[in-house]
C-alpha atoms as a PDB file:
ATOM      1  CA  UNK A   1      -0.132   0.256   0.152  1.00  0.00           C
ATOM      2  CA  UNK A   2       1.170   3.731  -0.941  1.00  0.00           C
ATOM      3  CA  UNK A   3       0.064   7.056   0.695  1.00  0.00           C
ATOM      4  CA  UNK A   4       0.098  10.152  -0.434  1.00  0.00           C
ATOM      5  CA  UNK A   5      -0.131  13.614   1.662  1.00  0.00           C
ATOM      6  CA  UNK A   6      -1.099  16.868   0.696  1.00  0.00           C
ATOM      7  CA  UNK A   7      -0.730  20.329   2.816  1.00  0.00           C
ATOM      8  CA  UNK A   8      -3.423  22.736   1.750  1.00  0.00           C
ATOM      9  CA  UNK A   9      -2.142  26.579   1.557  1.00  0.00           C
ATOM     10  CA  UNK A  10       0.143  27.160  -0.694  1.00  0.00           C
ATOM     11  CA  UNK A  11       0.797  23.750  -1.824  1.00  0.00           C
ATOM     12  CA  UNK A  12      -2.324  22.152  -3.538  1.00  0.00           C
ATOM     13  CA  UNK A  13      -3.548  25.473  -4.325  1.00  0.00           C
ATOM     14  CA  UNK A  14      -1.644  28.981  -4.269  1.00  0.00           C
ATOM     15  CA  UNK A  15      -2.860  30.984  -2.228  1.00  0.00           C
ATOM     16  CA  UNK A  16      -4.019  31.176   1.787  1.00  0.00           C
ATOM     17  CA  UNK A  17      -7.324  29.508   2.548  1.00  0.00           C
ATOM     18  CA  UNK A  18      -8.336  31.216   5.483  1.00  0.00           C
ATOM     19  CA  UNK A  19      -7.746  34.601   3.800  1.00  0.00           C
ATOM     20  CA  UNK A  20     -10.097  33.774   0.836  1.00  0.00           C
ATOM     21  CA  UNK A  21     -12.331  32.583   3.601  1.00  0.00           C
ATOM     22  CA  UNK A  22     -12.040  35.471   6.033  1.00  0.00           C
ATOM     23  CA  UNK A  23     -12.402  38.348   2.740  1.00  0.00           C
ATOM     24  CA  UNK A  24     -15.833  35.956   1.626  1.00  0.00           C
ATOM     25  CA  UNK A  25     -16.980  36.470   5.317  1.00  0.00           C
ATOM     26  CA  UNK A  26     -16.172  40.390   4.800  1.00  0.00           C
ATOM     27  CA  UNK A  27     -17.813  40.304   1.493  1.00  0.00           C
ATOM     28  CA  UNK A  28     -21.526  38.786   3.407  1.00  0.00           C
ATOM     29  CA  UNK A  29     -21.030  41.216   6.252  1.00  0.00           C
ATOM     30  CA  UNK A  30     -20.032  38.515   8.758  1.00  0.00           C
ATOM     31  CA  UNK A  31     -17.122  39.755   9.530  1.00  0.00           C
ATOM     32  CA  UNK A  32     -15.876  43.739   9.881  1.00  0.00           C
ATOM     33  CA  UNK A  33     -13.509  45.194   7.637  1.00  0.00           C
ATOM     34  CA  UNK A  34     -10.463  44.917   9.767  1.00  0.00           C
ATOM     35  CA  UNK A  35     -10.936  40.989   9.928  1.00  0.00           C
ATOM     36  CA  UNK A  36      -8.211  41.089   6.891  1.00  0.00           C
ATOM     37  CA  UNK A  37      -5.813  43.188   8.215  1.00  0.00           C
ATOM     38  CA  UNK A  38      -6.163  41.115  11.892  1.00  0.00           C
ATOM     39  CA  UNK A  39      -5.545  37.628   9.395  1.00  0.00           C
ATOM     40  CA  UNK A  40      -2.644  39.244   8.022  1.00  0.00           C
ATOM     41  CA  UNK A  41      -1.282  40.279  11.109  1.00  0.00           C
ATOM     42  CA  UNK A  42      -1.380  36.702  12.106  1.00  0.00           C
ATOM     43  CA  UNK A  43       0.077  35.590   8.808  1.00  0.00           C
ATOM     44  CA  UNK A  44       3.354  37.330   9.369  1.00  0.00           C
ATOM     45  CA  UNK A  45       3.507  35.738  12.472  1.00  0.00           C
ATOM     46  CA  UNK A  46       3.940  32.436  10.815  1.00  0.00           C
ATOM     47  CA  UNK A  47       6.206  33.628   8.092  1.00  0.00           C
ATOM     48  CA  UNK A  48       8.364  35.013  10.742  1.00  0.00           C
ATOM     49  CA  UNK A  49       7.976  31.741  13.245  1.00  0.00           C
ATOM     50  CA  UNK A  50       6.457  33.313  15.988  1.00  0.00           C
ATOM     51  CA  UNK A  51       3.020  32.251  15.539  1.00  0.00           C
ATOM     52  CA  UNK A  52       0.709  31.292  17.909  1.00  0.00           C
ATOM     53  CA  UNK A  53      -1.859  29.169  16.077  1.00  0.00           C
ATOM     54  CA  UNK A  54      -4.486  28.906  19.278  1.00  0.00           C
ATOM     55  CA  UNK A  55      -4.484  32.578  18.616  1.00  0.00           C
ATOM     56  CA  UNK A  56      -5.022  32.839  15.294  1.00  0.00           C
ATOM     57  CA  UNK A  57      -7.971  30.240  15.578  1.00  0.00           C
ATOM     58  CA  UNK A  58      -9.433  31.856  18.120  1.00  0.00           C
ATOM     59  CA  UNK A  59      -9.671  35.244  16.148  1.00  0.00           C
ATOM     60  CA  UNK A  60     -11.037  33.613  13.010  1.00  0.00           C
ATOM     61  CA  UNK A  61     -13.363  31.168  14.724  1.00  0.00           C
ATOM     62  CA  UNK A  62     -14.833  32.975  17.665  1.00  0.00           C
ATOM     63  CA  UNK A  63     -16.783  35.328  15.827  1.00  0.00           C
ATOM     64  CA  UNK A  64     -19.015  32.724  14.201  1.00  0.00           C
ATOM     65  CA  UNK A  65     -19.847  31.012  17.474  1.00  0.00           C
ATOM     66  CA  UNK A  66     -23.232  32.961  17.467  1.00  0.00           C
ATOM     67  CA  UNK A  67     -24.332  31.175  14.098  1.00  0.00           C
ATOM     68  CA  UNK A  68     -25.720  27.187  13.796  1.00  0.00           C
ATOM     69  CA  UNK A  69     -23.960  24.973  11.964  1.00  0.00           C
ATOM     70  CA  UNK A  70     -26.766  24.621   9.274  1.00  0.00           C
ATOM     71  CA  UNK A  71     -25.416  28.182   8.957  1.00  0.00           C
ATOM     72  CA  UNK A  72     -21.882  27.780   8.691  1.00  0.00           C
ATOM     73  CA  UNK A  73     -22.565  24.585   6.258  1.00  0.00           C
ATOM     74  CA  UNK A  74     -24.331  26.929   4.186  1.00  0.00           C
ATOM     75  CA  UNK A  75     -21.627  29.482   3.815  1.00  0.00           C
ATOM     76  CA  UNK A  76     -18.554  26.778   3.641  1.00  0.00           C
ATOM     77  CA  UNK A  77     -21.135  25.437   0.686  1.00  0.00           C
ATOM     78  CA  UNK A  78     -20.687  28.811  -1.178  1.00  0.00           C
ATOM     79  CA  UNK A  79     -17.271  29.601  -0.404  1.00  0.00           C
ATOM     80  CA  UNK A  80     -16.525  26.349  -2.246  1.00  0.00           C
ATOM     81  CA  UNK A  81     -18.128  27.055  -5.029  1.00  0.00           C
ATOM     82  CA  UNK A  82     -16.103  30.421  -5.426  1.00  0.00           C
ATOM     83  CA  UNK A  83     -13.189  28.690  -4.986  1.00  0.00           C
ATOM     84  CA  UNK A  84     -13.784  25.880  -7.462  1.00  0.00           C
ATOM     85  CA  UNK A  85     -12.237  28.509 -10.450  1.00  0.00           C
ATOM     86  CA  UNK A  86      -9.054  29.073  -8.705  1.00  0.00           C
ATOM     87  CA  UNK A  87      -7.891  24.967  -8.215  1.00  0.00           C
ATOM     88  CA  UNK A  88      -5.035  24.896 -10.340  1.00  0.00           C
ATOM     89  CA  UNK A  89      -5.670  21.783 -13.141  1.00  0.00           C
ATOM     90  CA  UNK A  90      -2.340  20.855 -12.745  1.00  0.00           C
ATOM     91  CA  UNK A  91      -2.382  20.301  -8.860  1.00  0.00           C
ATOM     92  CA  UNK A  92      -5.899  18.046  -9.252  1.00  0.00           C
ATOM     93  CA  UNK A  93      -4.047  16.251 -11.839  1.00  0.00           C
ATOM     94  CA  UNK A  94      -1.349  15.407  -9.202  1.00  0.00           C
ATOM     95  CA  UNK A  95      -4.041  14.622  -6.953  1.00  0.00           C
ATOM     96  CA  UNK A  96      -5.955  12.436  -9.252  1.00  0.00           C
ATOM     97  CA  UNK A  97      -2.328  10.538 -10.665  1.00  0.00           C
ATOM     98  CA  UNK A  98      -2.538   9.721  -6.713  1.00  0.00           C
ATOM     99  CA  UNK A  99      -6.059   8.270  -6.368  1.00  0.00           C
ATOM    100  CA  UNK A 100      -5.951   6.141 -10.350  1.00  0.00           C
ATOM    101  CA  UNK A 101      -2.863   4.556  -8.729  1.00  0.00           C
ATOM    102  CA  UNK A 102      -4.526   3.313  -5.915  1.00  0.00           C
ATOM    103  CA  UNK A 103      -2.697   5.585  -3.467  1.00  0.00           C
ATOM    104  CA  UNK A 104      -4.347   6.508  -0.147  1.00  0.00           C
ATOM    105  CA  UNK A 105      -4.860  10.364   0.058  1.00  0.00           C
ATOM    106  CA  UNK A 106      -5.559  12.781   2.519  1.00  0.00           C
ATOM    107  CA  UNK A 107      -4.999  16.600   2.759  1.00  0.00           C
ATOM    108  CA  UNK A 108      -3.259  17.214   5.937  1.00  0.00           C
ATOM    109  CA  UNK A 109      -3.437  20.700   7.108  1.00  0.00           C
ATOM    110  CA  UNK A 110      -3.003  23.266  10.086  1.00  0.00           C
ATOM    111  CA  UNK A 111      -6.535  25.191   8.665  1.00  0.00           C
ATOM    112  CA  UNK A 112      -9.555  24.439  10.316  1.00  0.00           C
ATOM    113  CA  UNK A 113     -11.978  21.759   9.058  1.00  0.00           C
ATOM    114  CA  UNK A 114     -14.873  24.310   8.623  1.00  0.00           C
ATOM    115  CA  UNK A 115     -12.468  26.595   5.936  1.00  0.00           C
ATOM    116  CA  UNK A 116     -10.719  22.863   4.100  1.00  0.00           C
ATOM    117  CA  UNK A 117     -13.412  20.839   4.057  1.00  0.00           C
ATOM    118  CA  UNK A 118     -14.395  22.829   0.448  1.00  0.00           C
ATOM    119  CA  UNK A 119     -11.097  22.226  -0.593  1.00  0.00           C
ATOM    120  CA  UNK A 120     -11.361  18.841   0.330  1.00  0.00           C
ATOM    121  CA  UNK A 121     -14.009  18.034  -2.056  1.00  0.00           C
ATOM    122  CA  UNK A 122     -12.829  20.212  -5.277  1.00  0.00           C
ATOM    123  CA  UNK A 123     -10.023  17.631  -4.941  1.00  0.00           C
ATOM    124  CA  UNK A 124     -12.167  14.812  -4.638  1.00  0.00           C
ATOM    125  CA  UNK A 125     -10.477  13.859  -1.343  1.00  0.00           C
ATOM    126  CA  UNK A 126     -12.473  11.840   0.998  1.00  0.00           C
ATOM    127  CA  UNK A 127      -9.677  11.988   3.830  1.00  0.00           C
ATOM    128  CA  UNK A 128      -9.343  15.326   5.619  1.00  0.00           C
ATOM    129  CA  UNK A 129      -6.670  15.768   8.642  1.00  0.00           C
ATOM    130  CA  UNK A 130      -7.272  19.191   9.904  1.00  0.00           C
ATOM    131  CA  UNK A 131      -7.269  21.122  12.990  1.00  0.00           C
ATOM    132  CA  UNK A 132     -10.373  20.428  15.017  1.00  0.00           C
ATOM    133  CA  UNK A 133     -12.719  23.492  16.242  1.00  0.00           C
ATOM    134  CA  UNK A 134     -14.278  22.961  19.793  1.00  0.00           C
ATOM    135  CA  UNK A 135     -17.206  23.021  20.207  1.00  0.00           C
ATOM    136  CA  UNK A 136     -20.033  23.892  22.901  1.00  0.00           C
ATOM    137  CA  UNK A 137     -23.768  22.904  22.599  1.00  0.00           C
ATOM    138  CA  UNK A 138     -23.215  22.479  19.050  1.00  0.00           C
ATOM    139  CA  UNK A 139     -21.766  25.778  18.535  1.00  0.00           C
ATOM    140  CA  UNK A 140     -18.016  27.053  17.883  1.00  0.00           C
ATOM    141  CA  UNK A 141     -16.091  28.694  20.709  1.00  0.00           C
ATOM    142  CA  UNK A 142     -13.059  29.677  18.545  1.00  0.00           C
ATOM    143  CA  UNK A 143     -11.090  27.165  21.117  1.00  0.00           C
ATOM    144  CA  UNK A 144      -9.261  24.106  19.410  1.00  0.00           C
ATOM    145  CA  UNK A 145     -10.198  20.384  19.963  1.00  0.00           C
ATOM    146  CA  UNK A 146      -6.557  18.696  21.200  1.00  0.00           C
ATOM    147  CA  UNK A 147      -3.358  19.964  19.325  1.00  0.00           C
ATOM    148  CA  UNK A 148      -3.889  21.890  16.166  1.00  0.00           C
ATOM    149  CA  UNK A 149      -2.474  20.116  12.774  1.00  0.00           C
ATOM    150  CA  UNK A 150       0.681  22.478  13.044  1.00  0.00           C
ATOM    151  CA  UNK A 151       4.285  21.472  12.818  1.00  0.00           C
ATOM    152  CA  UNK A 152       5.168  18.312  15.242  1.00  0.00           C
ATOM    153  CA  UNK A 153       1.362  17.665  15.074  1.00  0.00           C
ATOM    154  CA  UNK A 154       1.285  17.129  12.029  1.00  0.00           C
ATOM    155  CA  UNK A 155       3.062  13.612  12.523  1.00  0.00           C
ATOM    156  CA  UNK A 156       0.615  13.195  15.841  1.00  0.00           C
ATOM    157  CA  UNK A 157      -2.887  13.728  14.208  1.00  0.00           C
ATOM    158  CA  UNK A 158      -1.982  11.321  10.435  1.00  0.00           C
ATOM    159  CA  UNK A 159      -0.718   8.636  12.992  1.00  0.00           C
ATOM    160  CA  UNK A 160      -3.750   8.448  14.815  1.00  0.00           C
ATOM    161  CA  UNK A 161      -6.069   9.120  11.510  1.00  0.00           C
ATOM    162  CA  UNK A 162      -4.047   5.859  10.823  1.00  0.00           C
ATOM    163  CA  UNK A 163      -4.046   4.012  13.412  1.00  0.00           C
ATOM    164  CA  UNK A 164      -7.669   4.627  14.266  1.00  0.00           C
ATOM    165  CA  UNK A 165      -9.359   4.393  10.822  1.00  0.00           C
ATOM    166  CA  UNK A 166      -7.052   1.570   9.139  1.00  0.00           C
ATOM    167  CA  UNK A 167      -5.642  -0.035  12.174  1.00  0.00           C
ATOM    168  CA  UNK A 168      -2.292   0.416  10.939  1.00  0.00           C
ATOM    169  CA  UNK A 169       0.060   0.807  13.708  1.00  0.00           C
ATOM    170  CA  UNK A 170       1.935   2.963  14.089  1.00  0.00           C
ATOM    171  CA  UNK A 171       0.873   4.462  10.669  1.00  0.00           C
ATOM    172  CA  UNK A 172       3.773   5.711   8.131  1.00  0.00           C
ATOM    173  CA  UNK A 173       6.060   2.860   8.591  1.00  0.00           C
ATOM    174  CA  UNK A 174       3.770   0.462   7.414  1.00  0.00           C
ATOM    175  CA  UNK A 175       3.660   2.076   3.698  1.00  0.00           C
ATOM    176  CA  UNK A 176       6.160   0.627   0.975  1.00  0.00           C
ATOM    177  CA  UNK A 177       5.748   4.076  -0.427  1.00  0.00           C
ATOM    178  CA  UNK A 178       4.794   7.404   1.149  1.00  0.00           C
ATOM    179  CA  UNK A 179       4.785  11.527  -0.275  1.00  0.00           C
ATOM    180  CA  UNK A 180       3.985  14.731   1.025  1.00  0.00           C
ATOM    181  CA  UNK A 181       3.867  18.028  -0.873  1.00  0.00           C
ATOM    182  CA  UNK A 182       4.342  21.195   0.980  1.00  0.00           C
ATOM    183  CA  UNK A 183       5.834  24.595   0.729  1.00  0.00           C
ATOM    184  CA  UNK A 184       6.784  25.349   4.806  1.00  0.00           C
ATOM    185  CA  UNK A 185       9.381  24.545   6.783  1.00  0.00           C
ATOM    186  CA  UNK A 186       6.742  24.197   9.605  1.00  0.00           C
ATOM    187  CA  UNK A 187       6.096  20.625   8.295  1.00  0.00           C
ATOM    188  CA  UNK A 188       9.634  19.438   8.060  1.00  0.00           C
ATOM    189  CA  UNK A 189       8.380  16.906  10.996  1.00  0.00           C
ATOM    190  CA  UNK A 190       6.087  15.282   8.401  1.00  0.00           C
ATOM    191  CA  UNK A 191       8.107  15.724   5.831  1.00  0.00           C
ATOM    192  CA  UNK A 192      11.394  13.443   7.582  1.00  0.00           C
ATOM    193  CA  UNK A 193       8.451  11.019   8.445  1.00  0.00           C
ATOM    194  CA  UNK A 194       7.604   9.992   4.578  1.00  0.00           C
ATOM    195  CA  UNK A 195       9.864   8.086   2.305  1.00  0.00           C
ATOM    196  CA  UNK A 196       8.733  10.488  -0.793  1.00  0.00           C
ATOM    197  CA  UNK A 197       9.605  14.586   0.634  1.00  0.00           C
ATOM    198  CA  UNK A 198       8.449  17.171  -1.984  1.00  0.00           C
ATOM    199  CA  UNK A 199       9.041  20.499  -1.478  1.00  0.00           C
ATOM    200  CA  UNK A 200       6.216  22.264  -3.493  1.00  0.00           C
ATOM    201  CA  UNK A 201       6.270  26.347  -4.043  1.00  0.00           C
ATOM    202  CA  UNK A 202       8.624  26.442  -1.194  1.00  0.00           C
ATOM    203  CA  UNK A 203       9.725  28.865   1.135  1.00  0.00           C
ATOM    204  CA  UNK A 204      13.021  30.259   1.003  1.00  0.00           C
ATOM    205  CA  UNK A 205      14.069  27.540   4.189  1.00  0.00           C
ATOM    206  CA  UNK A 206      12.145  24.937   3.044  1.00  0.00           C
ATOM    207  CA  UNK A 207      14.051  24.982  -0.681  1.00  0.00           C
ATOM    208  CA  UNK A 208      17.730  25.593   1.196  1.00  0.00           C
ATOM    209  CA  UNK A 209      16.630  21.939   3.025  1.00  0.00           C
ATOM    210  CA  UNK A 210      14.945  20.537  -0.234  1.00  0.00           C
ATOM    211  CA  UNK A 211      18.400  21.386  -1.916  1.00  0.00           C
ATOM    212  CA  UNK A 212      20.544  20.281   0.592  1.00  0.00           C
ATOM    213  CA  UNK A 213      18.968  16.671   0.449  1.00  0.00           C
ATOM    214  CA  UNK A 214      18.222  16.268  -2.896  1.00  0.00           C
ATOM    215  CA  UNK A 215      14.651  16.597  -2.242  1.00  0.00           C
ATOM    216  CA  UNK A 216      12.336  17.203  -5.512  1.00  0.00           C
ATOM    217  CA  UNK A 217      11.309  20.641  -5.854  1.00  0.00           C
ATOM    218  CA  UNK A 218       7.665  21.962  -7.269  1.00  0.00           C
ATOM    219  CA  UNK A 219       7.944  25.322  -8.747  1.00  0.00           C
ATOM    220  CA  UNK A 220       4.929  25.818 -10.394  1.00  0.00           C
ATOM    221  CA  UNK A 221       1.469  24.088 -10.277  1.00  0.00           C
END
């Protein structure tokens, strides 16, 4: 059996899904215009390596606590329709090639599931490993359930998924071959855990690491 894992932002898609979602909600009048600058401030912290993922998640999700799940799901479907034209054909083909080869495929992203799920549907990937939003009485709280799917916790989340969903213990080493496609140096723990790490539109630090270790580099798609 073979495994193919894909990061989302700046990997499968050449943009930030959270920023796209924020702008979508601003356009609908759900969030104030200032929400975009708040999000961009967290994005700059991510680039600098100083991001508090829980703070970023709270800023984006807590304002949605006033809305019931059917409303959020409806917005997510509308968001999916607006994002469909922005999905790169080359990345669709990459995912499809792995699927056609019979590989087990999953998107693994730090993005909250509410935002990531529309993209998983657009790529036709049924397995999504994402940051899970905490709820109370069926509504979002702004908190995170467990650990965010970020940095070293991506390995933990993938291992948990493989163990619970497929009874493959302990996870990645059960596969004859495994791939992870990512743009970010923050994903080094998972990149180093697979047999075929691939840097996609890599940031400067990941590019240097990939070149040093002879990893494939995809610069467009």
